[in-house]
Amino acid sequence: MSRARKPDDPARWPKPCGRCGEHHQPAAHWPDGRVCGYCYKQAQRTKGVCACGHEGVLPGRVDGAPACRRCSGVRLNLDCRSCGAEDELYTGSQCWSCVLAAQVDRVLTHPGTGAMSPQLALVAAALKSMKRANSGLTWLNQPHVTAFLSELAVAPAITHESLDQLPLTRTRDYVRGLLVEHGALPRRDELAARYRDWATQALMRIVGDHHREVVQRYVRWHHQRRMNSMDRVTQGTFLRAKQSVTVAIELLNWLHDRDIDIEQLEQAHLDAWQAEGPTTRELASRFLRWAITTRLVRPTLTMAPHRRGTSPKLSAAEQDSALKRVISPDELDVRERAAAILVLVFGQQVEHVARLTWNNVTVTPELVSVRLDGVEIALPAPLDQPWRHLAVEPGHDLTAAHPRSNWVFRGSSPGQHIRAATLRNRLRDLFSTRAARLGTLHELTKLAPVAVIAEILGYHPATIERHAIGSAATYARYIAARATTS
């Protein structure tokens, strides 16, 4: 991502740039006028086909259109000494791609043997072929990245197990993702593996040996057994498992501080613990159900459930205001607009939106439709515009992270979709995704029967019925209204 421009300074640079019209330090005087440093850098990166037929960098302007050096008269060194290509130069003589290739070879080659392992050679080839070589070089030149890859270059073997033995860092996970995406390591369920690592660390937070053994059983025979039965562990399952164990540990540590074993748990203990803490403590009900099933505690124990209908909702006016911003092409990034439409207009959960693949999206000249949980949702104009843009330019395709990705919303991790939490944070300035979804369902139940909304949006009828009751628009009232108008 390019750096944001500094505010222009007319007092210091009274003459504006001939291209952007802003007052910044000039970098060159070309035939079409004075050019500031920002426009100079942009000119070096403008590629296409000139009116004369030349294909390559088009730094100049002729009649307002990009033009090659010969047609525009712009004097600019764009010829790489190493590969001979016309491109933006990293130094005075080499392009970014050639410098990146040299750096990749230097870091990933074993210094003692002068050879590169076959696994790292696959990653090296991917890094060298990046469309945005400057991003690859910036990442590679970070000291912690260089140190990690240099250590990997001398490793006797590269396996998931050997990587697991290294310190848990974002660099380790990112490099593992590159190795998997480019066929150097077999694919595995990373969330299941991450949960095993997390649970091992979480057990250390339990102060009593007996309670530690209880949580260990809970992790192994409840959460991990369930994960092992799944084709792929979802982000929601991963997060819920972490939440459940976290609150279970809090409860058991609270009991330990009062010299109470889990087998001695009474209703009064549960009520006191839940009353004195945050509302998230009601998540311990999942652990309690397991404890009852395994006969650790008495089956009559209960926890106060979460009260439905207390979550905030976007009002109709707030929804209209947000929708105006979503429709405007100048307000948001195109990916955020596309995701916001599904949440705000169609009441979809952000977790489902984040996992969309292009297999679920159909784009034709007449219509754009999205399939979510087996339900086809048609996007009329202007709601279809962000999706048409994404179909042409999916993004995140300029680095080595997504060589064959089919995700609509690609994430920063190699081969992975965007995390729901990340997408939720990106939309936070526009609306709360939960409040927007609940507000949409609340309003829709005033307009159509439960069965129709549930079928169109892919919800269970009981879920929509709860929203209908909350909006005072049950199916019976709908039928009565229809009968009256008829």
Protein backbone atom coordinates (compact mmCIF):
# COMPACT_ATOMS: atom_id res chain seq x y z
CA MET A 1 0.00 0.00 0.00
CA SER A 2 1.37 3.40 -1.00
CA ARG A 3 1.98 6.01 1.66
CA ALA A 4 -0.60 8.75 2.12
CA ARG A 5 0.30 12.11 0.65
CA LYS A 6 1.43 14.87 2.97
CA PRO A 7 -0.74 18.01 3.00
CA ASP A 8 0.29 20.30 0.17
CA ASP A 9 2.23 23.44 1.13
CA PRO A 10 1.54 26.43 -1.16
CA ALA A 11 3.71 28.71 0.99
CA ARG A 12 6.78 26.54 0.45
CA TRP A 13 5.98 25.35 -3.06
CA PRO A 14 3.93 28.14 -4.67
CA LYS A 15 3.89 26.58 -8.14
CA PRO A 16 1.48 23.63 -8.33
CA CYS A 17 2.23 20.28 -9.93
CA GLY A 18 1.15 20.21 -13.56
CA ARG A 19 -0.50 16.82 -13.07
CA CYS A 20 -2.23 16.71 -9.68
CA GLY A 21 -2.49 20.47 -9.12
CA GLU A 22 -1.20 20.20 -5.55
CA HIS A 23 1.75 22.03 -4.01
CA HIS A 24 4.54 19.54 -3.27
CA GLN A 25 8.28 19.44 -3.79
CA PRO A 26 8.98 19.11 -7.53
CA ALA A 27 10.90 16.08 -8.78
CA ALA A 28 11.23 16.89 -12.49
CA HIS A 29 10.33 19.31 -15.24
CA TRP A 30 8.95 17.37 -18.17
CA PRO A 31 7.53 18.55 -21.48
CA ASP A 32 4.01 18.52 -20.03
CA GLY A 33 5.05 20.67 -17.06
CA ARG A 34 6.26 20.59 -13.48
CA VAL A 35 5.89 17.17 -11.77
CA CYS A 36 5.87 16.62 -8.00
CA GLY A 37 7.51 13.64 -6.32
CA TYR A 38 4.21 11.77 -5.93
CA CYS A 39 3.28 12.09 -9.61
CA TYR A 40 6.87 11.27 -10.59
CA LYS A 41 6.66 7.97 -8.71
CA GLN A 42 3.23 7.25 -10.21
CA ALA A 43 4.57 7.94 -13.70
CA GLN A 44 7.31 5.34 -13.20
CA ARG A 45 4.65 2.75 -12.38
CA THR A 46 2.14 3.56 -15.12
CA LYS A 47 2.09 0.74 -17.65
CA GLY A 48 0.05 0.10 -20.75
CA VAL A 49 0.09 0.51 -24.53
CA CYS A 50 0.99 3.88 -26.02
CA ALA A 51 -0.85 5.30 -29.02
CA CYS A 52 2.24 4.46 -31.10
CA GLY A 53 1.92 0.79 -30.15
CA HIS A 54 4.74 0.68 -27.61
CA GLU A 55 3.88 -1.57 -24.66
CA GLY A 56 5.57 -0.88 -21.36
CA VAL A 57 6.00 2.05 -18.96
CA LEU A 58 4.11 5.20 -20.01
CA PRO A 59 5.51 8.04 -17.89
CA GLY A 60 4.58 10.93 -20.17
CA ARG A 61 1.37 12.61 -21.27
CA VAL A 62 0.21 13.44 -24.79
CA ASP A 63 -3.20 15.09 -25.13
CA GLY A 64 -3.99 14.03 -21.57
CA ALA A 65 -3.33 10.33 -22.22
CA PRO A 66 -0.37 8.26 -20.90
CA ALA A 67 2.44 8.02 -23.42
CA CYS A 68 5.84 6.38 -23.77
CA ARG A 69 9.14 8.21 -23.41
CA ARG A 70 9.69 8.62 -27.13
CA CYS A 71 6.28 10.10 -27.85
CA SER A 72 6.16 12.35 -24.79
CA GLY A 73 9.79 13.46 -24.75
CA VAL A 74 10.15 12.50 -21.09
CA ARG A 75 13.73 11.76 -20.13
CA LEU A 76 13.67 8.98 -17.55
CA ASN A 77 15.88 5.94 -16.96
CA LEU A 78 13.66 2.84 -16.99
CA ASP A 79 16.01 0.27 -18.52
CA CYS A 80 17.21 -2.50 -16.19
CA ARG A 81 20.86 -3.36 -16.69
CA SER A 82 20.39 -6.96 -15.53
CA CYS A 83 17.30 -8.16 -17.41
CA GLY A 84 16.93 -5.43 -20.01
CA ALA A 85 13.27 -4.89 -19.17
CA GLU A 86 11.63 -1.47 -19.15
CA ASP A 87 10.43 -1.02 -15.59
CA GLU A 88 10.70 1.11 -12.48
CA LEU A 89 14.23 0.84 -11.12
CA TYR A 90 15.08 0.05 -7.52
CA THR A 91 18.53 1.54 -7.88
CA GLY A 92 20.03 3.45 -10.74
CA SER A 93 20.51 0.32 -12.82
CA GLN A 94 18.38 -2.61 -11.61
CA CYS A 95 14.62 -3.09 -11.49
CA TRP A 96 12.77 -4.22 -8.39
CA SER A 97 12.28 -7.74 -9.77
CA CYS A 98 15.97 -8.34 -10.32
CA VAL A 99 16.91 -7.00 -6.90
CA LEU A 100 14.20 -9.15 -5.31
CA ALA A 101 15.42 -12.26 -7.14
CA ALA A 102 19.00 -11.69 -5.95
CA GLN A 103 17.84 -11.15 -2.37
CA VAL A 104 15.66 -14.28 -2.42
CA ASP A 105 18.58 -16.41 -3.63
CA ARG A 106 20.89 -14.94 -1.02
CA VAL A 107 18.54 -15.56 1.91
CA LEU A 108 17.18 -19.00 0.95
CA THR A 109 20.48 -20.57 -0.17
CA HIS A 110 22.41 -22.69 2.32
CA PRO A 111 25.66 -20.76 2.92
CA GLY A 112 27.67 -23.92 3.52
CA THR A 113 26.57 -25.94 0.48
CA GLY A 114 25.64 -23.13 -1.90
CA ALA A 115 22.42 -25.03 -2.70
CA MET A 116 18.75 -24.38 -1.99
CA SER A 117 16.43 -27.10 -0.69
CA PRO A 118 13.75 -28.22 -3.18
CA GLN A 119 11.01 -27.02 -0.82
CA LEU A 120 12.44 -23.54 -0.51
CA ALA A 121 13.06 -23.46 -4.26
CA LEU A 122 9.30 -23.61 -4.80
CA VAL A 123 8.77 -20.63 -2.52
CA ALA A 124 11.71 -18.80 -4.11
CA ALA A 125 10.19 -19.17 -7.57
CA ALA A 126 6.88 -17.77 -6.30
CA LEU A 127 8.54 -14.78 -4.63
CA LYS A 128 10.56 -13.98 -7.74
CA SER A 129 7.45 -13.99 -9.94
CA MET A 130 5.47 -11.56 -7.77
CA LYS A 131 3.70 -8.85 -9.75
CA ARG A 132 4.51 -6.34 -7.03
CA ALA A 133 8.20 -6.97 -6.49
CA ASN A 134 8.64 -3.93 -4.26
CA SER A 135 6.23 -5.45 -1.70
CA GLY A 136 8.21 -8.69 -1.71
CA LEU A 137 11.49 -6.87 -1.20
CA THR A 138 10.06 -4.76 1.62
CA TRP A 139 8.83 -7.91 3.39
CA LEU A 140 12.06 -9.82 2.81
CA ASN A 141 14.30 -7.02 4.08
CA GLN A 142 12.68 -6.94 7.51
CA PRO A 143 15.32 -8.23 9.97
CA HIS A 144 13.05 -10.79 11.64
CA VAL A 145 11.92 -12.18 8.26
CA THR A 146 15.50 -12.40 6.99
CA ALA A 147 16.61 -14.14 10.19
CA PHE A 148 13.74 -16.65 10.05
CA LEU A 149 14.30 -17.57 6.39
CA SER A 150 18.06 -17.81 6.87
CA GLU A 151 17.47 -20.26 9.72
CA LEU A 152 15.09 -22.24 7.52
CA ALA A 153 17.70 -22.38 4.75
CA VAL A 154 20.10 -24.37 6.95
CA ALA A 155 17.44 -26.61 8.56
CA PRO A 156 18.02 -30.34 7.94
CA ALA A 157 14.32 -30.81 7.14
CA ILE A 158 11.23 -28.62 6.71
CA THR A 159 8.05 -30.22 8.03
CA HIS A 160 5.00 -29.06 9.93
CA GLU A 161 6.46 -30.70 13.02
CA SER A 162 9.78 -28.89 12.70
CA LEU A 163 8.00 -25.57 12.20
CA ASP A 164 5.88 -26.24 15.28
CA GLN A 165 9.07 -26.40 17.33
CA LEU A 166 10.00 -22.84 16.36
CA PRO A 167 8.69 -19.84 18.35
CA LEU A 168 5.10 -18.94 17.57
CA THR A 169 5.28 -15.78 15.47
CA ARG A 170 3.33 -14.27 12.59
CA THR A 171 6.36 -14.79 10.38
CA ARG A 172 6.37 -18.53 11.13
CA ASP A 173 2.67 -18.83 10.27
CA TYR A 174 3.03 -16.74 7.12
CA VAL A 175 6.01 -18.72 5.81
CA ARG A 176 4.20 -21.97 6.61
CA GLY A 177 1.28 -20.66 4.54
CA LEU A 178 3.61 -19.94 1.61
CA LEU A 179 5.12 -23.43 1.83
CA VAL A 180 1.64 -24.98 1.79
CA GLU A 181 0.23 -22.82 -1.00
CA HIS A 182 3.14 -23.56 -3.30
CA GLY A 183 3.20 -27.30 -2.68
CA ALA A 184 6.28 -27.46 -0.46
CA LEU A 185 4.30 -28.79 2.52
CA PRO A 186 1.08 -30.84 2.64
CA ARG A 187 -2.08 -28.98 3.55
CA ARG A 188 -3.36 -29.48 7.10
CA ASP A 189 -6.13 -28.03 9.24
CA GLU A 190 -4.33 -25.04 10.70
CA LEU A 191 -7.12 -24.01 13.06
CA ALA A 192 -7.14 -27.46 14.65
CA ALA A 193 -3.37 -27.28 15.06
CA ARG A 194 -3.58 -23.75 16.45
CA TYR A 195 -6.18 -24.87 18.95
CA ARG A 196 -3.93 -27.68 20.20
CA ASP A 197 -1.10 -25.20 20.73
CA TRP A 198 -3.42 -22.69 22.41
CA ALA A 199 -4.97 -25.31 24.72
CA THR A 200 -1.54 -26.47 25.86
CA GLN A 201 -0.69 -22.92 26.94
CA ALA A 202 -4.15 -22.34 28.43
CA LEU A 203 -3.81 -25.33 30.76
CA MET A 204 -0.88 -23.59 32.41
CA ARG A 205 -3.26 -20.89 33.70
CA ILE A 206 -5.12 -23.35 35.94
CA VAL A 207 -3.94 -23.16 39.55
CA GLY A 208 -5.17 -26.55 40.79
CA ASP A 209 -3.88 -29.92 39.54
CA HIS A 210 -7.28 -31.60 39.85
CA HIS A 211 -9.03 -28.85 37.92
CA ARG A 212 -6.26 -28.88 35.32
CA GLU A 213 -6.97 -32.55 34.71
CA VAL A 214 -10.70 -31.75 34.33
CA VAL A 215 -10.08 -29.06 31.71
CA GLN A 216 -7.63 -31.33 29.92
CA ARG A 217 -10.39 -33.92 29.59
CA TYR A 218 -12.84 -31.22 28.47
CA VAL A 219 -10.43 -30.07 25.76
CA ARG A 220 -9.52 -33.54 24.54
CA TRP A 221 -12.83 -35.38 24.67
CA HIS A 222 -15.18 -32.55 23.82
CA HIS A 223 -13.54 -29.89 21.66
CA GLN A 224 -10.71 -31.78 19.99
CA ARG A 225 -12.86 -34.84 19.37
CA ARG A 226 -15.42 -32.64 17.66
CA MET A 227 -12.73 -30.93 15.57
CA ASN A 228 -11.31 -34.30 14.52
CA SER A 229 -14.72 -35.27 13.16
CA MET A 230 -14.96 -32.16 10.97
CA ASP A 231 -13.70 -31.91 7.40
CA ARG A 232 -12.34 -28.49 8.24
CA VAL A 233 -12.46 -26.55 11.49
CA THR A 234 -14.23 -23.25 10.96
CA GLN A 235 -13.21 -19.97 12.53
CA GLY A 236 -16.44 -19.95 14.53
CA THR A 237 -15.76 -23.42 16.00
CA PHE A 238 -12.20 -22.40 16.82
CA LEU A 239 -13.25 -19.20 18.61
CA ARG A 240 -16.13 -20.83 20.50
CA ALA A 241 -13.82 -23.59 21.73
CA LYS A 242 -11.36 -20.99 23.02
CA GLN A 243 -14.11 -18.99 24.70
CA SER A 244 -15.57 -22.07 26.37
CA VAL A 245 -12.24 -23.18 27.81
CA THR A 246 -11.32 -19.66 28.88
CA VAL A 247 -14.47 -19.14 30.97
CA ALA A 248 -14.21 -22.70 32.31
CA ILE A 249 -10.71 -21.91 33.57
CA GLU A 250 -11.99 -18.70 35.19
CA LEU A 251 -14.75 -20.62 36.95
CA LEU A 252 -12.45 -23.39 38.20
CA ASN A 253 -9.82 -20.94 39.42
CA TRP A 254 -12.59 -19.05 41.26
CA LEU A 255 -13.65 -22.30 42.91
CA HIS A 256 -10.05 -23.19 43.79
CA ASP A 257 -9.56 -19.84 45.54
CA ARG A 258 -12.50 -20.79 47.76
CA ASP A 259 -11.29 -24.38 48.37
CA ILE A 260 -14.17 -25.83 46.36
CA ASP A 261 -13.69 -28.75 43.98
CA ILE A 262 -15.77 -29.02 40.84
CA GLU A 263 -17.62 -32.01 42.32
CA GLN A 264 -18.78 -29.79 45.21
CA LEU A 265 -20.26 -27.14 42.92
CA GLU A 266 -23.61 -25.75 44.15
CA GLN A 267 -26.15 -23.50 42.46
CA ALA A 268 -25.26 -20.71 44.86
CA HIS A 269 -21.64 -20.87 43.71
CA LEU A 270 -22.66 -20.53 40.06
CA ASP A 271 -25.02 -17.66 40.77
CA ALA A 272 -22.39 -15.76 42.76
CA TRP A 273 -19.67 -16.27 40.18
CA GLN A 274 -21.91 -15.21 37.29
CA ALA A 275 -23.33 -12.19 39.12
CA GLU A 276 -19.97 -10.68 40.01
CA GLY A 277 -18.41 -10.91 36.55
CA PRO A 278 -19.02 -9.81 32.92
CA THR A 279 -21.85 -11.18 30.79
CA THR A 280 -19.39 -13.42 28.94
CA ARG A 281 -19.44 -15.72 31.97
CA GLU A 282 -22.73 -17.16 30.72
CA LEU A 283 -20.60 -18.96 28.10
CA ALA A 284 -19.59 -21.31 30.92
CA SER A 285 -22.95 -22.98 30.30
CA ARG A 286 -21.23 -24.99 27.56
CA PHE A 287 -18.72 -26.35 30.06
CA LEU A 288 -21.50 -26.93 32.58
CA ARG A 289 -23.46 -29.08 30.10
CA TRP A 290 -20.34 -31.19 29.51
CA ALA A 291 -19.74 -31.50 33.26
CA ILE A 292 -23.32 -32.66 33.76
CA THR A 293 -23.04 -35.18 30.91
CA THR A 294 -19.85 -36.63 32.38
CA ARG A 295 -21.46 -36.68 35.85
CA LEU A 296 -18.93 -34.35 37.41
CA VAL A 297 -21.70 -32.13 38.83
CA ARG A 298 -25.37 -32.47 39.70
CA PRO A 299 -27.75 -32.35 36.71
CA THR A 300 -29.96 -29.69 38.33
CA LEU A 301 -27.32 -26.95 38.04
CA THR A 302 -28.14 -24.12 35.61
CA MET A 303 -26.78 -20.75 34.54
CA ALA A 304 -28.75 -17.61 33.80
CA PRO A 305 -29.12 -17.52 29.99
CA HIS A 306 -28.47 -14.55 27.77
CA ARG A 307 -31.62 -12.43 27.42
CA ARG A 308 -32.71 -12.32 23.80
CA GLY A 309 -33.73 -9.05 22.23
CA THR A 310 -31.28 -6.91 24.20
CA SER A 311 -28.71 -6.46 21.43
CA PRO A 312 -28.73 -3.03 19.72
CA LYS A 313 -30.20 -2.75 16.23
CA LEU A 314 -29.74 -0.19 13.48
CA SER A 315 -32.89 1.83 13.03
CA ALA A 316 -34.46 2.22 9.60
CA ALA A 317 -33.02 5.74 9.32
CA GLU A 318 -29.54 4.52 10.27
CA GLN A 319 -29.82 1.72 7.71
CA ASP A 320 -30.76 4.19 4.98
CA SER A 321 -27.82 6.44 5.88
CA ALA A 322 -25.39 3.51 5.85
CA LEU A 323 -26.77 2.23 2.55
CA LYS A 324 -26.12 5.59 0.88
CA ARG A 325 -22.48 5.33 1.86
CA VAL A 326 -22.27 1.70 0.71
CA ILE A 327 -23.70 2.53 -2.71
CA SER A 328 -21.38 5.50 -3.21
CA PRO A 329 -18.21 4.38 -5.06
CA ASP A 330 -16.13 7.07 -3.33
CA GLU A 331 -16.92 6.18 0.27
CA LEU A 332 -15.42 2.71 0.83
CA ASP A 333 -13.01 0.17 -0.57
CA VAL A 334 -14.75 -2.02 -3.14
CA ARG A 335 -14.30 -5.18 -1.03
CA GLU A 336 -15.82 -3.51 2.00
CA ARG A 337 -18.76 -2.26 -0.09
CA ALA A 338 -19.40 -5.76 -1.47
CA ALA A 339 -19.38 -7.31 2.00
CA ALA A 340 -21.44 -4.51 3.53
CA ILE A 341 -24.23 -5.06 0.98
CA LEU A 342 -24.73 -8.68 2.05
CA VAL A 343 -24.80 -7.73 5.75
CA LEU A 344 -26.82 -4.52 5.56
CA VAL A 345 -29.32 -5.30 2.81
CA PHE A 346 -29.69 -9.07 3.13
CA GLY A 347 -29.00 -9.60 6.83
CA GLN A 348 -26.20 -12.12 6.31
CA GLN A 349 -23.75 -13.07 9.04
CA VAL A 350 -20.27 -11.71 8.48
CA GLU A 351 -18.77 -15.16 9.18
CA HIS A 352 -20.60 -16.58 6.15
CA VAL A 353 -19.67 -13.60 3.97
CA ALA A 354 -15.96 -13.95 4.79
CA ARG A 355 -15.97 -17.59 3.58
CA LEU A 356 -17.50 -16.91 0.16
CA THR A 357 -15.75 -18.38 -2.88
CA TRP A 358 -16.14 -17.43 -6.51
CA ASN A 359 -17.92 -20.75 -7.01
CA ASN A 360 -20.78 -19.13 -5.10
CA VAL A 361 -20.88 -15.99 -7.23
CA THR A 362 -22.41 -15.72 -10.70
CA VAL A 363 -21.74 -12.63 -12.78
CA THR A 364 -23.53 -12.16 -16.11
CA PRO A 365 -24.24 -8.99 -18.13
CA GLU A 366 -27.83 -9.12 -16.86
CA LEU A 367 -27.46 -10.18 -13.23
CA VAL A 368 -25.11 -10.77 -10.30
CA SER A 369 -26.13 -13.43 -7.79
CA VAL A 370 -24.50 -14.80 -4.64
CA ARG A 371 -25.22 -18.23 -3.14
CA LEU A 372 -25.02 -18.41 0.65
CA ASP A 373 -25.83 -21.67 2.43
CA GLY A 374 -27.65 -22.96 -0.62
CA VAL A 375 -29.75 -19.81 -1.05
CA GLU A 376 -29.38 -17.73 -4.23
CA ILE A 377 -29.44 -13.96 -3.59
CA ALA A 378 -29.86 -11.68 -6.61
CA LEU A 379 -28.11 -8.30 -6.47
CA PRO A 380 -29.91 -5.66 -8.56
CA ALA A 381 -28.25 -2.43 -9.64
CA PRO A 382 -26.60 -0.52 -8.04
CA LEU A 383 -25.87 -3.25 -5.47
CA ASP A 384 -24.17 -5.34 -8.17
CA GLN A 385 -21.46 -2.80 -9.04
CA PRO A 386 -18.89 -3.68 -6.32
CA TRP A 387 -19.26 -7.36 -7.21
CA ARG A 388 -18.72 -6.73 -10.90
CA HIS A 389 -15.60 -4.74 -10.03
CA LEU A 390 -14.29 -7.55 -7.80
CA ALA A 391 -14.88 -10.14 -10.54
CA VAL A 392 -12.54 -8.20 -12.82
CA GLU A 393 -10.02 -7.14 -10.16
CA PRO A 394 -10.21 -9.54 -7.17
CA GLY A 395 -7.23 -7.94 -5.43
CA HIS A 396 -4.49 -9.55 -3.33
CA ASP A 397 -3.05 -11.07 -6.51
CA LEU A 398 0.17 -9.06 -6.67
CA THR A 399 2.15 -11.10 -4.13
CA ALA A 400 2.97 -14.78 -3.63
CA ALA A 401 0.28 -15.28 -0.97
CA HIS A 402 -2.62 -16.22 -3.24
CA PRO A 403 -1.40 -18.07 -6.34
CA ARG A 404 -4.60 -20.06 -6.89
CA SER A 405 -7.01 -18.57 -4.37
CA ASN A 406 -10.74 -18.89 -5.02
CA TRP A 407 -11.80 -16.78 -2.04
CA VAL A 408 -13.83 -13.67 -2.80
CA PHE A 409 -12.41 -11.89 0.24
CA ARG A 410 -8.78 -12.95 0.35
CA GLY A 411 -6.94 -12.50 3.61
CA SER A 412 -3.43 -11.47 4.52
CA SER A 413 -2.45 -15.07 5.34
CA PRO A 414 -1.39 -17.15 2.32
CA GLY A 415 -4.28 -19.06 0.77
CA GLN A 416 -6.75 -18.02 3.50
CA HIS A 417 -9.91 -15.93 3.36
CA ILE A 418 -10.22 -12.77 5.40
CA ARG A 419 -11.03 -13.40 9.04
CA ALA A 420 -14.52 -12.49 10.12
CA ALA A 421 -13.11 -10.34 12.92
CA THR A 422 -10.96 -8.43 10.44
CA LEU A 423 -13.89 -7.84 8.12
CA ARG A 424 -16.04 -6.80 11.07
CA ASN A 425 -13.39 -4.25 12.12
CA ARG A 426 -13.13 -2.82 8.60
CA LEU A 427 -16.87 -2.17 8.58
CA ARG A 428 -16.93 -0.77 12.10
CA ASP A 429 -16.69 2.87 10.99
CA LEU A 430 -19.79 2.31 8.86
CA PHE A 431 -21.86 0.16 11.21
CA SER A 432 -21.76 -2.66 13.72
CA THR A 433 -22.27 -5.77 11.61
CA ARG A 434 -24.41 -7.37 14.31
CA ALA A 435 -26.56 -4.29 14.79
CA ALA A 436 -26.93 -3.92 11.02
CA ARG A 437 -27.95 -7.55 10.53
CA LEU A 438 -30.44 -7.49 13.42
CA GLY A 439 -31.85 -4.19 12.23
CA THR A 440 -32.36 -5.55 8.72
CA LEU A 441 -34.15 -8.67 9.96
CA HIS A 442 -36.24 -6.53 12.30
CA GLU A 443 -37.42 -4.33 9.41
CA LEU A 444 -37.93 -7.16 6.93
CA THR A 445 -40.28 -9.01 9.26
CA LYS A 446 -42.62 -6.02 9.01
CA LEU A 447 -42.89 -6.45 5.26
CA ALA A 448 -43.19 -10.17 4.53
CA PRO A 449 -44.15 -13.47 6.21
CA VAL A 450 -41.65 -15.46 8.21
CA ALA A 451 -41.55 -18.38 5.78
CA VAL A 452 -40.74 -16.15 2.81
CA ILE A 453 -37.94 -14.25 4.56
CA ALA A 454 -36.42 -17.44 5.95
CA GLU A 455 -36.37 -19.05 2.52
CA ILE A 456 -35.00 -15.99 0.70
CA LEU A 457 -32.23 -15.23 3.21
CA GLY A 458 -31.37 -18.80 4.23
CA TYR A 459 -32.40 -18.56 7.90
CA HIS A 460 -34.25 -21.11 9.98
CA PRO A 461 -37.91 -20.10 10.28
CA ALA A 462 -37.68 -20.15 14.08
CA THR A 463 -34.94 -17.51 13.95
CA ILE A 464 -37.00 -15.20 11.75
CA GLU A 465 -40.08 -15.86 13.91
CA ARG A 466 -38.22 -14.46 16.94
CA HIS A 467 -37.42 -11.29 15.00
CA ALA A 468 -41.00 -11.08 13.80
CA ILE A 469 -42.29 -11.24 17.36
CA GLY A 470 -39.81 -8.55 18.36
CA SER A 471 -41.02 -6.26 15.59
CA ALA A 472 -44.71 -6.98 16.37
CA ALA A 473 -45.18 -8.49 12.92
CA THR A 474 -46.12 -12.12 13.31
CA TYR A 475 -47.32 -14.15 10.38
CA ALA A 476 -50.91 -13.96 11.65
CA ARG A 477 -50.84 -10.16 11.55
CA TYR A 478 -49.47 -10.28 8.02
CA ILE A 479 -52.35 -12.50 6.87
CA ALA A 480 -54.85 -10.21 8.59
CA ALA A 481 -53.41 -7.17 6.87
CA ARG A 482 -53.55 -8.89 3.49
CA ALA A 483 -57.15 -9.90 4.05
CA THR A 484 -58.09 -6.33 4.94
CA THR A 485 -56.48 -4.81 1.86
CA SER A 486 -58.09 -7.45 -0.34
